[in-house]
Amino acid sequence: MTAVKPLVAPHRRALPLKVGTRGSPLARAQTANFLAILKHYCPVLRGMDVFEEHIITTTGDAVQDRALAEIGGKGLFAKEIHESLLAGRIDFAVHSLKDLETTLPDGITLACTLTREDARDVLILPPSKTTFDPSDPYAALAHGATIGSASVRRIAQLKHARPDLNFILVRGNVGTRLGKIEAGEMDATLLAYAGLRRLGLASRASIVLNPETMVPSACQGIVGITIRTADTELGAMLAGIEDPEAKAVATAERAFLSALDGSCRTPIGGYARLLEDGTLHLTGLVARTDGSFLLKRAATGLPTDAARLGAELGASLKADSPTDIFAP
């Protein structure tokens, strides 16, 4: 990512600028990286105490003993952050874009998407498990192995490939899940590679899964920044650090997700990337939670047509999928 020119700091407001974030180690690391980028491209901010971090506990963070679908569905990691932004308690907010609903509340705008980290999922196995077959990533899982996960997307794809596996609900931050593997509470779990890399834990990934084998969550690995829509000054500053490629793939994936209009109970995967010839390639997946149905398709087009490409692929998958998959 490059900025065309040094950014100009907002000057018609009181400092410090207040940034909202969740309190997990990963969320804090993503926020620190975002603020470092701002300071890098806005020299006047360097060496100044111009940012004030506000830790906001969301419903998704507070309730850890139930699946997300049971406690309200969409927006569970953003609702309280949106409220703080609209109330003026913060100036902008940092989100894992995969957790941000496709339709934002009135008065809030997605102002910036940062360079995407590695979007792939990884399989985490006990440290003692060191022999893997790269041609069959799931061969490392013994028959009837117990997998800990809260992601209906990951579970549905694994169940489709390996109906013999057993699953238990595991939520919590990256450290919590790694600890459960080390304690022998489960045979494996799956995590986003982006999170491990941002926390300096990439070496804990046992097997990095091909995104065509395990289709990632839409916008996995992308950080998005929201602001009040009326805050045009801050929006102009953030536009200077937006990554065009991340913007294109995020636009395609969010349009795909929006067209499907699934709930947190719907296993949906979406992954877009730019090919060497500059075209945009989008893979989309819809499945039933028990893995008995799985439909995956791909489409290509120009990055400038990202929204249309995503919407058309989503409509195609929805038209050819059982209606019960999208039940609220």
C-alpha atoms as a PDB file:
ATOM      1  CA  MET A   1       0.000   0.000   0.000  1.00  0.00           C
ATOM      2  CA  THR A   2       1.270   3.473  -0.850  1.00  0.00           C
ATOM      3  CA  ALA A   3      -0.101   6.932  -0.212  1.00  0.00           C
ATOM      4  CA  VAL A   4      -0.065   9.350  -3.125  1.00  0.00           C
ATOM      5  CA  LYS A   5       1.086  12.180  -0.870  1.00  0.00           C
ATOM      6  CA  PRO A   6       1.580  12.796   2.859  1.00  0.00           C
ATOM      7  CA  LEU A   7      -1.712  13.060   4.693  1.00  0.00           C
ATOM      8  CA  VAL A   8      -2.924  16.264   6.240  1.00  0.00           C
ATOM      9  CA  ALA A   9      -4.047  15.957   9.853  1.00  0.00           C
ATOM     10  CA  PRO A  10      -7.576  17.125  10.668  1.00  0.00           C
ATOM     11  CA  HIS A  11      -7.315  20.586  12.132  1.00  0.00           C
ATOM     12  CA  ARG A  12     -10.870  21.710  12.871  1.00  0.00           C
ATOM     13  CA  ARG A  13     -11.357  19.496  15.924  1.00  0.00           C
ATOM     14  CA  ALA A  14      -9.956  18.971  19.387  1.00  0.00           C
ATOM     15  CA  LEU A  15      -7.172  16.489  19.897  1.00  0.00           C
ATOM     16  CA  PRO A  16      -6.672  13.737  20.804  1.00  0.00           C
ATOM     17  CA  LEU A  17      -8.592  11.804  18.159  1.00  0.00           C
ATOM     18  CA  LYS A  18     -10.516   9.021  19.893  1.00  0.00           C
ATOM     19  CA  VAL A  19     -10.321   5.553  18.360  1.00  0.00           C
ATOM     20  CA  GLY A  20     -12.688   2.755  19.381  1.00  0.00           C
ATOM     21  CA  THR A  21     -11.684  -0.902  19.416  1.00  0.00           C
ATOM     22  CA  ARG A  22     -12.554  -4.191  21.023  1.00  0.00           C
ATOM     23  CA  GLY A  23     -10.288  -5.261  23.855  1.00  0.00           C
ATOM     24  CA  SER A  24      -8.893  -8.573  22.613  1.00  0.00           C
ATOM     25  CA  PRO A  25      -5.134  -8.801  21.981  1.00  0.00           C
ATOM     26  CA  LEU A  26      -5.831  -9.157  18.254  1.00  0.00           C
ATOM     27  CA  ALA A  27      -8.118  -6.116  18.142  1.00  0.00           C
ATOM     28  CA  ARG A  28      -5.548  -4.051  20.035  1.00  0.00           C
ATOM     29  CA  ALA A  29      -2.776  -5.191  17.671  1.00  0.00           C
ATOM     30  CA  GLN A  30      -4.861  -4.236  14.632  1.00  0.00           C
ATOM     31  CA  THR A  31      -5.578  -0.830  16.132  1.00  0.00           C
ATOM     32  CA  ALA A  32      -1.902  -0.219  16.908  1.00  0.00           C
ATOM     33  CA  ASN A  33      -1.004  -1.098  13.324  1.00  0.00           C
ATOM     34  CA  PHE A  34      -3.668   1.256  11.944  1.00  0.00           C
ATOM     35  CA  LEU A  35      -2.450   4.154  14.087  1.00  0.00           C
ATOM     36  CA  ALA A  36       1.153   3.456  13.061  1.00  0.00           C
ATOM     37  CA  ILE A  37       0.109   3.695   9.395  1.00  0.00           C
ATOM     38  CA  LEU A  38      -1.628   6.999  10.033  1.00  0.00           C
ATOM     39  CA  LYS A  39       1.456   8.428  11.715  1.00  0.00           C
ATOM     40  CA  HIS A  40       3.707   7.145   8.942  1.00  0.00           C
ATOM     41  CA  TYR A  41       1.737   8.917   6.213  1.00  0.00           C
ATOM     42  CA  CYS A  42       0.881  12.006   8.247  1.00  0.00           C
ATOM     43  CA  PRO A  43       4.251  13.370   9.445  1.00  0.00           C
ATOM     44  CA  VAL A  44       2.709  16.057  11.655  1.00  0.00           C
ATOM     45  CA  LEU A  45       1.272  13.300  13.864  1.00  0.00           C
ATOM     46  CA  ARG A  46       4.640  11.706  14.596  1.00  0.00           C
ATOM     47  CA  GLY A  47       5.900  12.074  18.109  1.00  0.00           C
ATOM     48  CA  MET A  48       2.614  13.574  19.261  1.00  0.00           C
ATOM     49  CA  ASP A  49       0.082  12.093  21.664  1.00  0.00           C
ATOM     50  CA  VAL A  50      -2.795  12.649  19.265  1.00  0.00           C
ATOM     51  CA  PHE A  51      -4.716   9.384  19.645  1.00  0.00           C
ATOM     52  CA  GLU A  52      -6.759   8.144  22.586  1.00  0.00           C
ATOM     53  CA  GLU A  53      -7.733   4.470  22.543  1.00  0.00           C
ATOM     54  CA  HIS A  54     -11.167   3.530  23.858  1.00  0.00           C
ATOM     55  CA  ILE A  55     -11.745  -0.148  24.660  1.00  0.00           C
ATOM     56  CA  ILE A  56     -15.362  -1.130  24.010  1.00  0.00           C
ATOM     57  CA  THR A  57     -16.850  -4.434  25.150  1.00  0.00           C
ATOM     58  CA  THR A  58     -19.308  -5.779  22.602  1.00  0.00           C
ATOM     59  CA  THR A  59     -22.069  -8.325  23.102  1.00  0.00           C
ATOM     60  CA  GLY A  60     -20.035 -10.862  21.158  1.00  0.00           C
ATOM     61  CA  ASP A  61     -17.135 -10.395  23.565  1.00  0.00           C
ATOM     62  CA  ALA A  62     -19.245 -10.479  26.723  1.00  0.00           C
ATOM     63  CA  VAL A  63     -21.147 -13.699  25.998  1.00  0.00           C
ATOM     64  CA  GLN A  64     -18.744 -16.604  25.496  1.00  0.00           C
ATOM     65  CA  ASP A  65     -20.807 -19.661  26.440  1.00  0.00           C
ATOM     66  CA  ARG A  66     -23.188 -19.676  23.477  1.00  0.00           C
ATOM     67  CA  ALA A  67     -22.949 -19.730  19.706  1.00  0.00           C
ATOM     68  CA  LEU A  68     -23.237 -16.333  18.026  1.00  0.00           C
ATOM     69  CA  ALA A  69     -26.494 -17.300  16.313  1.00  0.00           C
ATOM     70  CA  GLU A  70     -28.091 -17.832  19.734  1.00  0.00           C
ATOM     71  CA  ILE A  71     -27.322 -14.343  21.026  1.00  0.00           C
ATOM     72  CA  GLY A  72     -28.523 -12.126  18.237  1.00  0.00           C
ATOM     73  CA  GLY A  73     -26.890 -12.854  14.914  1.00  0.00           C
ATOM     74  CA  LYS A  74     -25.370 -10.020  12.882  1.00  0.00           C
ATOM     75  CA  GLY A  75     -23.455  -7.102  14.318  1.00  0.00           C
ATOM     76  CA  LEU A  76     -22.562  -8.715  17.648  1.00  0.00           C
ATOM     77  CA  PHE A  77     -18.997  -7.397  17.503  1.00  0.00           C
ATOM     78  CA  ALA A  78     -19.954  -3.914  16.329  1.00  0.00           C
ATOM     79  CA  LYS A  79     -23.251  -2.739  17.887  1.00  0.00           C
ATOM     80  CA  GLU A  80     -21.738  -1.049  20.954  1.00  0.00           C
ATOM     81  CA  ILE A  81     -18.939   0.425  18.857  1.00  0.00           C
ATOM     82  CA  HIS A  82     -21.480   1.930  16.461  1.00  0.00           C
ATOM     83  CA  GLU A  83     -23.329   3.438  19.427  1.00  0.00           C
ATOM     84  CA  SER A  84     -20.148   5.052  20.756  1.00  0.00           C
ATOM     85  CA  LEU A  85     -19.360   6.471  17.322  1.00  0.00           C
ATOM     86  CA  LEU A  86     -22.828   7.962  16.794  1.00  0.00           C
ATOM     87  CA  ALA A  87     -22.808   9.408  20.320  1.00  0.00           C
ATOM     88  CA  GLY A  88     -19.513  11.177  19.627  1.00  0.00           C
ATOM     89  CA  ARG A  89     -17.570   9.305  22.296  1.00  0.00           C
ATOM     90  CA  ILE A  90     -15.104   8.163  19.621  1.00  0.00           C
ATOM     91  CA  ASP A  91     -14.061   9.663  16.273  1.00  0.00           C
ATOM     92  CA  PHE A  92     -13.408   6.460  14.351  1.00  0.00           C
ATOM     93  CA  ALA A  93     -13.468   2.716  14.982  1.00  0.00           C
ATOM     94  CA  VAL A  94     -11.276  -0.210  13.968  1.00  0.00           C
ATOM     95  CA  HIS A  95     -12.987  -3.458  12.942  1.00  0.00           C
ATOM     96  CA  SER A  96     -12.119  -6.882  11.612  1.00  0.00           C
ATOM     97  CA  LEU A  97     -14.123  -6.352   8.439  1.00  0.00           C
ATOM     98  CA  LYS A  98     -15.469  -9.921   8.498  1.00  0.00           C
ATOM     99  CA  ASP A  99     -17.355  -8.983  11.698  1.00  0.00           C
ATOM    100  CA  LEU A 100     -18.916  -5.844  10.242  1.00  0.00           C
ATOM    101  CA  GLU A 101     -22.462  -6.153   8.905  1.00  0.00           C
ATOM    102  CA  THR A 102     -22.941  -5.344   5.217  1.00  0.00           C
ATOM    103  CA  THR A 103     -25.603  -2.699   5.918  1.00  0.00           C
ATOM    104  CA  LEU A 104     -24.320  -0.158   8.423  1.00  0.00           C
ATOM    105  CA  PRO A 105     -26.521   2.005  10.670  1.00  0.00           C
ATOM    106  CA  ASP A 106     -27.590   5.382   9.314  1.00  0.00           C
ATOM    107  CA  GLY A 107     -24.893   7.962   9.927  1.00  0.00           C
ATOM    108  CA  ILE A 108     -21.956   5.500   9.813  1.00  0.00           C
ATOM    109  CA  THR A 109     -19.671   4.946   6.825  1.00  0.00           C
ATOM    110  CA  LEU A 110     -16.938   2.431   6.067  1.00  0.00           C
ATOM    111  CA  ALA A 111     -14.248   4.999   5.298  1.00  0.00           C
ATOM    112  CA  CYS A 112     -11.158   2.865   4.747  1.00  0.00           C
ATOM    113  CA  THR A 113      -9.992  -0.695   4.115  1.00  0.00           C
ATOM    114  CA  LEU A 114      -6.395  -1.545   4.935  1.00  0.00           C
ATOM    115  CA  THR A 115      -4.056  -3.934   3.118  1.00  0.00           C
ATOM    116  CA  ARG A 116      -5.278  -7.501   3.473  1.00  0.00           C
ATOM    117  CA  GLU A 117      -3.336  -9.978   5.577  1.00  0.00           C
ATOM    118  CA  ASP A 118      -3.268 -13.645   4.556  1.00  0.00           C
ATOM    119  CA  ALA A 119      -6.952 -14.591   4.269  1.00  0.00           C
ATOM    120  CA  ARG A 120      -6.541 -18.346   4.677  1.00  0.00           C
ATOM    121  CA  ASP A 121      -7.721 -20.529   7.535  1.00  0.00           C
ATOM    122  CA  VAL A 122      -5.291 -22.780   9.373  1.00  0.00           C
ATOM    123  CA  LEU A 123      -5.633 -26.084  11.155  1.00  0.00           C
ATOM    124  CA  ILE A 124      -4.172 -26.116  14.669  1.00  0.00           C
ATOM    125  CA  LEU A 125      -3.044 -29.490  15.987  1.00  0.00           C
ATOM    126  CA  PRO A 126      -1.321 -30.474  19.260  1.00  0.00           C
ATOM    127  CA  PRO A 127       2.420 -29.659  19.321  1.00  0.00           C
ATOM    128  CA  SER A 128       3.198 -33.382  19.357  1.00  0.00           C
ATOM    129  CA  LYS A 129       1.538 -33.847  15.967  1.00  0.00           C
ATOM    130  CA  THR A 130       4.304 -33.082  13.486  1.00  0.00           C
ATOM    131  CA  THR A 131       3.726 -35.337  10.445  1.00  0.00           C
ATOM    132  CA  PHE A 132       1.289 -34.125   7.790  1.00  0.00           C
ATOM    133  CA  ASP A 133       0.363 -35.050   4.220  1.00  0.00           C
ATOM    134  CA  PRO A 134       0.268 -31.743   2.286  1.00  0.00           C
ATOM    135  CA  SER A 135      -1.783 -33.374  -0.479  1.00  0.00           C
ATOM    136  CA  ASP A 136      -4.558 -34.180   2.024  1.00  0.00           C
ATOM    137  CA  PRO A 137      -4.679 -31.552   4.770  1.00  0.00           C
ATOM    138  CA  TYR A 138      -7.408 -33.366   6.677  1.00  0.00           C
ATOM    139  CA  ALA A 139      -5.521 -36.681   6.787  1.00  0.00           C
ATOM    140  CA  ALA A 140      -3.873 -35.448   9.998  1.00  0.00           C
ATOM    141  CA  LEU A 141      -7.258 -35.702  11.713  1.00  0.00           C
ATOM    142  CA  ALA A 142      -7.891 -39.177  13.101  1.00  0.00           C
ATOM    143  CA  HIS A 143     -11.234 -40.877  12.474  1.00  0.00           C
ATOM    144  CA  GLY A 144     -13.768 -39.423  14.891  1.00  0.00           C
ATOM    145  CA  ALA A 145     -11.431 -36.630  16.027  1.00  0.00           C
ATOM    146  CA  THR A 146     -12.954 -33.840  18.127  1.00  0.00           C
ATOM    147  CA  ILE A 147     -12.724 -30.366  16.578  1.00  0.00           C
ATOM    148  CA  GLY A 148     -13.362 -27.216  18.588  1.00  0.00           C
ATOM    149  CA  SER A 149     -14.982 -24.354  16.682  1.00  0.00           C
ATOM    150  CA  ALA A 150     -17.820 -21.847  16.797  1.00  0.00           C
ATOM    151  CA  SER A 151     -17.789 -21.115  13.057  1.00  0.00           C
ATOM    152  CA  VAL A 152     -20.700 -22.653  11.137  1.00  0.00           C
ATOM    153  CA  ARG A 153     -18.759 -21.965   7.924  1.00  0.00           C
ATOM    154  CA  ARG A 154     -15.722 -23.982   9.009  1.00  0.00           C
ATOM    155  CA  ILE A 155     -17.784 -26.753  10.573  1.00  0.00           C
ATOM    156  CA  ALA A 156     -20.002 -27.208   7.497  1.00  0.00           C
ATOM    157  CA  GLN A 157     -17.020 -27.465   5.145  1.00  0.00           C
ATOM    158  CA  LEU A 158     -15.227 -29.916   7.424  1.00  0.00           C
ATOM    159  CA  LYS A 159     -18.371 -32.016   7.912  1.00  0.00           C
ATOM    160  CA  HIS A 160     -18.860 -32.136   4.155  1.00  0.00           C
ATOM    161  CA  ALA A 161     -15.299 -33.404   3.656  1.00  0.00           C
ATOM    162  CA  ARG A 162     -15.147 -35.577   6.796  1.00  0.00           C
ATOM    163  CA  PRO A 163     -18.564 -36.672   8.124  1.00  0.00           C
ATOM    164  CA  ASP A 164     -16.833 -38.782  10.789  1.00  0.00           C
ATOM    165  CA  LEU A 165     -15.544 -35.791  12.760  1.00  0.00           C
ATOM    166  CA  ASN A 166     -17.076 -34.575  16.022  1.00  0.00           C
ATOM    167  CA  PHE A 167     -17.463 -30.934  16.989  1.00  0.00           C
ATOM    168  CA  ILE A 168     -17.633 -28.982  20.237  1.00  0.00           C
ATOM    169  CA  LEU A 169     -18.397 -25.289  20.721  1.00  0.00           C
ATOM    170  CA  VAL A 170     -15.241 -23.297  21.457  1.00  0.00           C
ATOM    171  CA  ARG A 171     -15.210 -19.511  21.584  1.00  0.00           C
ATOM    172  CA  GLY A 172     -12.743 -16.994  22.967  1.00  0.00           C
ATOM    173  CA  ASN A 173      -9.644 -15.237  21.723  1.00  0.00           C
ATOM    174  CA  VAL A 174      -6.694 -16.812  19.927  1.00  0.00           C
ATOM    175  CA  GLY A 175      -4.749 -17.476  23.129  1.00  0.00           C
ATOM    176  CA  THR A 176      -7.715 -19.237  24.729  1.00  0.00           C
ATOM    177  CA  ARG A 177      -8.134 -21.581  21.775  1.00  0.00           C
ATOM    178  CA  LEU A 178      -4.446 -22.401  21.535  1.00  0.00           C
ATOM    179  CA  GLY A 179      -4.451 -23.145  25.258  1.00  0.00           C
ATOM    180  CA  LYS A 180      -7.296 -25.632  24.862  1.00  0.00           C
ATOM    181  CA  ILE A 181      -5.326 -27.499  22.202  1.00  0.00           C
ATOM    182  CA  GLU A 182      -2.259 -27.661  24.456  1.00  0.00           C
ATOM    183  CA  ALA A 183      -4.413 -28.873  27.360  1.00  0.00           C
ATOM    184  CA  GLY A 184      -5.759 -31.734  25.239  1.00  0.00           C
ATOM    185  CA  GLU A 185      -9.376 -30.560  25.432  1.00  0.00           C
ATOM    186  CA  MET A 186      -9.800 -31.174  21.699  1.00  0.00           C
ATOM    187  CA  ASP A 187      -7.867 -32.741  18.846  1.00  0.00           C
ATOM    188  CA  ALA A 188      -7.810 -29.696  16.585  1.00  0.00           C
ATOM    189  CA  THR A 189      -9.249 -26.270  15.958  1.00  0.00           C
ATOM    190  CA  LEU A 190      -9.283 -23.813  13.073  1.00  0.00           C
ATOM    191  CA  LEU A 191      -8.235 -20.172  13.165  1.00  0.00           C
ATOM    192  CA  ALA A 192      -7.666 -17.321  10.752  1.00  0.00           C
ATOM    193  CA  TYR A 193      -4.028 -17.187   9.657  1.00  0.00           C
ATOM    194  CA  ALA A 194      -4.246 -13.377   9.632  1.00  0.00           C
ATOM    195  CA  GLY A 195      -4.851 -13.277  13.378  1.00  0.00           C
ATOM    196  CA  LEU A 196      -1.921 -15.545  14.137  1.00  0.00           C
ATOM    197  CA  ARG A 197       0.383 -13.493  11.932  1.00  0.00           C
ATOM    198  CA  ARG A 198      -0.679 -10.194  13.481  1.00  0.00           C
ATOM    199  CA  LEU A 199      -0.026 -11.613  16.959  1.00  0.00           C
ATOM    200  CA  GLY A 200       3.381 -13.007  16.001  1.00  0.00           C
ATOM    201  CA  LEU A 201       2.074 -16.578  16.330  1.00  0.00           C
ATOM    202  CA  ALA A 202       2.295 -17.751  12.713  1.00  0.00           C
ATOM    203  CA  SER A 203       4.498 -20.678  13.772  1.00  0.00           C
ATOM    204  CA  ARG A 204       1.539 -22.132  15.689  1.00  0.00           C
ATOM    205  CA  ALA A 205      -0.262 -22.912  12.420  1.00  0.00           C
ATOM    206  CA  SER A 206       0.030 -26.645  11.790  1.00  0.00           C
ATOM    207  CA  ILE A 207      -1.483 -26.655   8.281  1.00  0.00           C
ATOM    208  CA  VAL A 208      -2.375 -23.602   6.185  1.00  0.00           C
ATOM    209  CA  LEU A 209      -5.483 -24.500   4.175  1.00  0.00           C
ATOM    210  CA  ASN A 210      -5.899 -23.647   0.512  1.00  0.00           C
ATOM    211  CA  PRO A 211      -8.730 -21.076   0.210  1.00  0.00           C
ATOM    212  CA  GLU A 212     -10.360 -23.252  -2.430  1.00  0.00           C
ATOM    213  CA  THR A 213     -10.372 -26.191   0.024  1.00  0.00           C
ATOM    214  CA  MET A 214     -11.598 -24.184   3.025  1.00  0.00           C
ATOM    215  CA  VAL A 215     -13.237 -21.051   1.625  1.00  0.00           C
ATOM    216  CA  PRO A 216     -12.569 -18.189   4.072  1.00  0.00           C
ATOM    217  CA  SER A 217     -15.107 -15.865   5.597  1.00  0.00           C
ATOM    218  CA  ALA A 218     -15.891 -12.816   3.475  1.00  0.00           C
ATOM    219  CA  CYS A 219     -13.336 -10.073   4.251  1.00  0.00           C
ATOM    220  CA  GLN A 220     -11.230 -12.293   6.488  1.00  0.00           C
ATOM    221  CA  GLY A 221      -7.845 -10.638   7.064  1.00  0.00           C
ATOM    222  CA  ILE A 222      -9.057  -7.122   6.207  1.00  0.00           C
ATOM    223  CA  VAL A 223      -9.261  -4.292   8.738  1.00  0.00           C
ATOM    224  CA  GLY A 224     -11.927  -1.659   8.129  1.00  0.00           C
ATOM    225  CA  ILE A 225     -12.273   1.797   9.662  1.00  0.00           C
ATOM    226  CA  THR A 226     -15.683   3.367  10.261  1.00  0.00           C
ATOM    227  CA  ILE A 227     -16.493   7.033  10.906  1.00  0.00           C
ATOM    228  CA  ARG A 228     -19.560   9.222  11.175  1.00  0.00           C
ATOM    229  CA  THR A 229     -20.774   9.901   7.646  1.00  0.00           C
ATOM    230  CA  ALA A 230     -20.811  13.639   8.283  1.00  0.00           C
ATOM    231  CA  ASP A 231     -17.139  13.674   9.278  1.00  0.00           C
ATOM    232  CA  THR A 232     -15.838  14.499   5.815  1.00  0.00           C
ATOM    233  CA  GLU A 233     -12.543  15.868   7.102  1.00  0.00           C
ATOM    234  CA  LEU A 234     -11.557  12.634   8.793  1.00  0.00           C
ATOM    235  CA  GLY A 235     -12.901  10.695   5.814  1.00  0.00           C
ATOM    236  CA  ALA A 236     -10.605  12.600   3.459  1.00  0.00           C
ATOM    237  CA  MET A 237      -7.595  11.758   5.619  1.00  0.00           C
ATOM    238  CA  LEU A 238      -8.457   8.042   5.793  1.00  0.00           C
ATOM    239  CA  ALA A 239      -9.000   7.858   2.021  1.00  0.00           C
ATOM    240  CA  GLY A 240      -5.280   8.518   1.645  1.00  0.00           C
ATOM    241  CA  ILE A 241      -4.296   5.222   3.297  1.00  0.00           C
ATOM    242  CA  GLU A 242      -6.909   2.979   1.703  1.00  0.00           C
ATOM    243  CA  ASP A 243      -5.518   0.003  -0.202  1.00  0.00           C
ATOM    244  CA  PRO A 244      -7.170  -0.188  -3.671  1.00  0.00           C
ATOM    245  CA  GLU A 245      -6.812  -3.971  -3.927  1.00  0.00           C
ATOM    246  CA  ALA A 246      -8.301  -4.527  -0.475  1.00  0.00           C
ATOM    247  CA  LYS A 247     -11.126  -2.172  -1.399  1.00  0.00           C
ATOM    248  CA  ALA A 248     -11.901  -4.133  -4.571  1.00  0.00           C
ATOM    249  CA  VAL A 249     -11.903  -7.576  -2.966  1.00  0.00           C
ATOM    250  CA  ALA A 250     -13.842  -6.334   0.062  1.00  0.00           C
ATOM    251  CA  THR A 251     -16.445  -4.736  -2.196  1.00  0.00           C
ATOM    252  CA  ALA A 252     -16.925  -8.011  -4.089  1.00  0.00           C
ATOM    253  CA  GLU A 253     -17.100 -10.144  -0.958  1.00  0.00           C
ATOM    254  CA  ARG A 254     -19.473  -7.817   0.910  1.00  0.00           C
ATOM    255  CA  ALA A 255     -21.762  -7.565  -2.145  1.00  0.00           C
ATOM    256  CA  PHE A 256     -21.751 -11.368  -2.360  1.00  0.00           C
ATOM    257  CA  LEU A 257     -22.663 -11.640   1.318  1.00  0.00           C
ATOM    258  CA  SER A 258     -25.361  -8.998   1.027  1.00  0.00           C
ATOM    259  CA  ALA A 259     -26.997 -10.772  -1.919  1.00  0.00           C
ATOM    260  CA  LEU A 260     -27.237 -13.993   0.081  1.00  0.00           C
ATOM    261  CA  ASP A 261     -28.632 -12.201   3.137  1.00  0.00           C
ATOM    262  CA  GLY A 262     -27.822 -15.180   5.334  1.00  0.00           C
ATOM    263  CA  SER A 263     -27.897 -15.202   9.119  1.00  0.00           C
ATOM    264  CA  CYS A 264     -25.160 -16.305  11.522  1.00  0.00           C
ATOM    265  CA  ARG A 265     -26.699 -19.771  11.135  1.00  0.00           C
ATOM    266  CA  THR A 266     -25.875 -19.841   7.409  1.00  0.00           C
ATOM    267  CA  PRO A 267     -22.487 -21.280   6.406  1.00  0.00           C
ATOM    268  CA  ILE A 268     -21.192 -18.818   3.803  1.00  0.00           C
ATOM    269  CA  GLY A 269     -17.680 -18.368   2.448  1.00  0.00           C
ATOM    270  CA  GLY A 270     -16.403 -15.719   0.064  1.00  0.00           C
ATOM    271  CA  TYR A 271     -12.885 -15.083  -1.170  1.00  0.00           C
ATOM    272  CA  ALA A 272     -11.780 -12.642  -3.878  1.00  0.00           C
ATOM    273  CA  ARG A 273      -8.302 -12.029  -5.234  1.00  0.00           C
ATOM    274  CA  LEU A 274      -6.674 -10.163  -8.095  1.00  0.00           C
ATOM    275  CA  LEU A 275      -5.098 -12.391 -10.731  1.00  0.00           C
ATOM    276  CA  GLU A 276      -1.839 -11.618 -12.516  1.00  0.00           C
ATOM    277  CA  ASP A 277      -3.724 -10.216 -15.505  1.00  0.00           C
ATOM    278  CA  GLY A 278      -5.522  -7.739 -13.259  1.00  0.00           C
ATOM    279  CA  THR A 279      -8.914  -9.451 -13.274  1.00  0.00           C
ATOM    280  CA  LEU A 280     -10.831 -10.132 -10.087  1.00  0.00           C
ATOM    281  CA  HIS A 281     -11.549 -13.752  -9.191  1.00  0.00           C
ATOM    282  CA  LEU A 282     -14.276 -14.476  -6.622  1.00  0.00           C
ATOM    283  CA  THR A 283     -15.069 -17.848  -5.057  1.00  0.00           C
ATOM    284  CA  GLY A 284     -18.354 -18.201  -3.199  1.00  0.00           C
ATOM    285  CA  LEU A 285     -19.730 -21.017  -1.081  1.00  0.00           C
ATOM    286  CA  VAL A 286     -23.039 -21.832   0.594  1.00  0.00           C
ATOM    287  CA  ALA A 287     -23.636 -24.941   2.708  1.00  0.00           C
ATOM    288  CA  ARG A 288     -26.013 -26.581   5.133  1.00  0.00           C
ATOM    289  CA  THR A 289     -24.762 -26.613   8.719  1.00  0.00           C
ATOM    290  CA  ASP A 290     -24.561 -30.422   8.808  1.00  0.00           C
ATOM    291  CA  GLY A 291     -22.455 -30.500   5.628  1.00  0.00           C
ATOM    292  CA  SER A 292     -25.072 -32.492   3.688  1.00  0.00           C
ATOM    293  CA  PHE A 293     -25.294 -29.743   1.057  1.00  0.00           C
ATOM    294  CA  LEU A 294     -22.458 -27.597  -0.262  1.00  0.00           C
ATOM    295  CA  LEU A 295     -22.469 -25.431  -3.364  1.00  0.00           C
ATOM    296  CA  LYS A 296     -19.354 -23.602  -4.527  1.00  0.00           C
ATOM    297  CA  ARG A 297     -18.945 -21.425  -7.617  1.00  0.00           C
ATOM    298  CA  ALA A 298     -16.507 -18.861  -8.970  1.00  0.00           C
ATOM    299  CA  ALA A 299     -16.722 -15.789 -11.166  1.00  0.00           C
ATOM    300  CA  THR A 300     -14.252 -13.371 -12.711  1.00  0.00           C
ATOM    301  CA  GLY A 301     -14.515  -9.780 -13.847  1.00  0.00           C
ATOM    302  CA  LEU A 302     -12.938  -6.359 -13.694  1.00  0.00           C
ATOM    303  CA  PRO A 303     -12.100  -4.858 -10.277  1.00  0.00           C
ATOM    304  CA  THR A 304     -14.265  -1.875 -11.221  1.00  0.00           C
ATOM    305  CA  ASP A 305     -17.220  -4.287 -11.446  1.00  0.00           C
ATOM    306  CA  ALA A 306     -16.551  -5.791  -8.004  1.00  0.00           C
ATOM    307  CA  ALA A 307     -19.968  -4.954  -6.545  1.00  0.00           C
ATOM    308  CA  ARG A 308     -21.858  -6.362  -9.532  1.00  0.00           C
ATOM    309  CA  LEU A 309     -19.680  -9.480  -9.637  1.00  0.00           C
ATOM    310  CA  GLY A 310     -20.325 -10.217  -5.972  1.00  0.00           C
ATOM    311  CA  ALA A 311     -24.046  -9.544  -6.188  1.00  0.00           C
ATOM    312  CA  GLU A 312     -24.492 -11.768  -9.257  1.00  0.00           C
ATOM    313  CA  LEU A 313     -22.531 -14.674  -7.774  1.00  0.00           C
ATOM    314  CA  GLY A 314     -24.500 -14.399  -4.538  1.00  0.00           C
ATOM    315  CA  ALA A 315     -27.807 -14.380  -6.414  1.00  0.00           C
ATOM    316  CA  SER A 316     -26.725 -17.408  -8.444  1.00  0.00           C
ATOM    317  CA  LEU A 317     -25.860 -19.458  -5.365  1.00  0.00           C
ATOM    318  CA  LYS A 318     -29.027 -18.427  -3.552  1.00  0.00           C
ATOM    319  CA  ALA A 319     -31.211 -19.385  -6.508  1.00  0.00           C
ATOM    320  CA  ASP A 320     -29.758 -22.887  -6.620  1.00  0.00           C
ATOM    321  CA  SER A 321     -29.657 -23.593  -2.877  1.00  0.00           C
ATOM    322  CA  PRO A 322     -32.377 -25.059  -0.645  1.00  0.00           C
ATOM    323  CA  THR A 323     -34.469 -22.268   0.887  1.00  0.00           C
ATOM    324  CA  ASP A 324     -34.138 -23.658   4.433  1.00  0.00           C
ATOM    325  CA  ILE A 325     -30.434 -22.725   4.428  1.00  0.00           C
ATOM    326  CA  PHE A 326     -31.347 -19.047   4.621  1.00  0.00           C
ATOM    327  CA  ALA A 327     -34.005 -19.333   7.313  1.00  0.00           C
ATOM    328  CA  PRO A 328     -33.575 -16.597   9.997  1.00  0.00           C
END
